[in-house]
Amino acid sequence: MMLVMEQCGILIERQHHEVATAGQAEIDFVFDKLVRTADKLMMYKYIVKNVAQSPRQSRDLHAQAALRR
């Protein structure tokens, strides 16, 4: 997924696995101006959805929880 995103011009900040359950991962991309970031987010979701359609893969997109103080 990251390779496809980079080919589409989305700069990846980092990728790491989550500790909650096996198989979860997080891919962070570099933010830009508001409209460009919104466009990149739509491409991001489209790429994740289509790459994950291959056998034995699934996807689920969740927003990052904000810290409350």
C-alpha atoms as a PDB file:
ATOM      1  CA  MET A   1       0.000   0.000   0.000  1.00  0.00           C
ATOM      2  CA  MET A   2       2.790   2.382   0.876  1.00  0.00           C
ATOM      3  CA  LEU A   3       4.510   1.858  -2.461  1.00  0.00           C
ATOM      4  CA  VAL A   4       1.312   2.662  -4.361  1.00  0.00           C
ATOM      5  CA  MET A   5       0.758   5.774  -2.226  1.00  0.00           C
ATOM      6  CA  GLU A   6       4.282   6.991  -2.890  1.00  0.00           C
ATOM      7  CA  GLN A   7       3.821   6.382  -6.626  1.00  0.00           C
ATOM      8  CA  CYS A   8       0.698   8.585  -6.451  1.00  0.00           C
ATOM      9  CA  GLY A   9       2.604  11.434  -4.792  1.00  0.00           C
ATOM     10  CA  ILE A  10       1.581  10.878  -1.163  1.00  0.00           C
ATOM     11  CA  LEU A  11       4.615  11.363   1.074  1.00  0.00           C
ATOM     12  CA  ILE A  12       4.619   8.757   3.840  1.00  0.00           C
ATOM     13  CA  GLU A  13       5.775   9.986   7.246  1.00  0.00           C
ATOM     14  CA  ARG A  14       5.934   6.556   8.891  1.00  0.00           C
ATOM     15  CA  GLN A  15       4.350   3.121   9.029  1.00  0.00           C
ATOM     16  CA  HIS A  16       4.121   0.922  12.086  1.00  0.00           C
ATOM     17  CA  HIS A  17       2.103  -1.936  13.505  1.00  0.00           C
ATOM     18  CA  GLU A  18      -0.446  -1.487  16.256  1.00  0.00           C
ATOM     19  CA  VAL A  19      -0.168  -3.395  19.509  1.00  0.00           C
ATOM     20  CA  ALA A  20      -3.921  -3.981  19.958  1.00  0.00           C
ATOM     21  CA  THR A  21      -4.307  -7.129  17.849  1.00  0.00           C
ATOM     22  CA  ALA A  22      -2.322  -8.961  15.222  1.00  0.00           C
ATOM     23  CA  GLY A  23      -2.352  -7.579  11.726  1.00  0.00           C
ATOM     24  CA  GLN A  24      -3.227  -3.970  12.500  1.00  0.00           C
ATOM     25  CA  ALA A  25      -1.049  -1.287  10.981  1.00  0.00           C
ATOM     26  CA  GLU A  26      -0.972   2.475  10.777  1.00  0.00           C
ATOM     27  CA  ILE A  27       0.286   4.507   7.831  1.00  0.00           C
ATOM     28  CA  ASP A  28       0.866   8.218   8.492  1.00  0.00           C
ATOM     29  CA  PHE A  29       1.275  10.655   5.639  1.00  0.00           C
ATOM     30  CA  VAL A  30       2.777  14.148   5.606  1.00  0.00           C
ATOM     31  CA  PHE A  31       0.243  16.971   5.842  1.00  0.00           C
ATOM     32  CA  ASP A  32       0.117  19.818   3.341  1.00  0.00           C
ATOM     33  CA  LYS A  33      -2.249  22.726   2.795  1.00  0.00           C
ATOM     34  CA  LEU A  34      -5.874  21.984   3.642  1.00  0.00           C
ATOM     35  CA  VAL A  35      -7.214  21.246   0.146  1.00  0.00           C
ATOM     36  CA  ARG A  36      -4.158  19.217  -0.864  1.00  0.00           C
ATOM     37  CA  THR A  37      -4.360  17.176   2.343  1.00  0.00           C
ATOM     38  CA  ALA A  38      -8.058  16.509   1.725  1.00  0.00           C
ATOM     39  CA  ASP A  39      -7.259  15.309  -1.805  1.00  0.00           C
ATOM     40  CA  LYS A  40      -4.458  13.089  -0.502  1.00  0.00           C
ATOM     41  CA  LEU A  41      -6.766  11.657   2.157  1.00  0.00           C
ATOM     42  CA  MET A  42      -9.311  10.652  -0.507  1.00  0.00           C
ATOM     43  CA  MET A  43      -6.541   9.028  -2.573  1.00  0.00           C
ATOM     44  CA  TYR A  44      -5.247   7.323   0.591  1.00  0.00           C
ATOM     45  CA  LYS A  45      -8.657   5.793   1.323  1.00  0.00           C
ATOM     46  CA  TYR A  46      -9.129   4.743  -2.325  1.00  0.00           C
ATOM     47  CA  ILE A  47      -5.696   3.080  -2.447  1.00  0.00           C
ATOM     48  CA  VAL A  48      -6.183   1.241   0.857  1.00  0.00           C
ATOM     49  CA  LYS A  49      -9.610  -0.007  -0.234  1.00  0.00           C
ATOM     50  CA  ASN A  50      -8.420  -1.278  -3.614  1.00  0.00           C
ATOM     51  CA  VAL A  51      -5.102  -2.784  -2.525  1.00  0.00           C
ATOM     52  CA  ALA A  52      -6.827  -4.601   0.357  1.00  0.00           C
ATOM     53  CA  GLN A  53      -9.204  -6.355  -2.039  1.00  0.00           C
ATOM     54  CA  SER A  54      -6.497  -8.873  -2.760  1.00  0.00           C
ATOM     55  CA  PRO A  55      -6.980 -12.290  -1.132  1.00  0.00           C
ATOM     56  CA  ARG A  56      -6.615 -12.601   2.656  1.00  0.00           C
ATOM     57  CA  GLN A  57      -6.517  -8.853   3.284  1.00  0.00           C
ATOM     58  CA  SER A  58      -9.095  -6.531   4.723  1.00  0.00           C
ATOM     59  CA  ARG A  59      -9.211  -2.896   5.679  1.00  0.00           C
ATOM     60  CA  ASP A  60     -10.926  -0.734   8.222  1.00  0.00           C
ATOM     61  CA  LEU A  61     -10.314   2.986   8.557  1.00  0.00           C
ATOM     62  CA  HIS A  62     -10.590   4.669  11.961  1.00  0.00           C
ATOM     63  CA  ALA A  63      -9.965   8.220  13.009  1.00  0.00           C
ATOM     64  CA  GLN A  64      -7.251   8.848  15.552  1.00  0.00           C
ATOM     65  CA  ALA A  65      -8.723   9.464  18.997  1.00  0.00           C
ATOM     66  CA  ALA A  66      -8.015  12.953  20.325  1.00  0.00           C
ATOM     67  CA  LEU A  67      -6.412  13.254  23.720  1.00  0.00           C
ATOM     68  CA  ARG A  68      -8.646  14.895  26.306  1.00  0.00           C
ATOM     69  CA  ARG A  69      -7.157  16.900  29.137  1.00  0.00           C
END
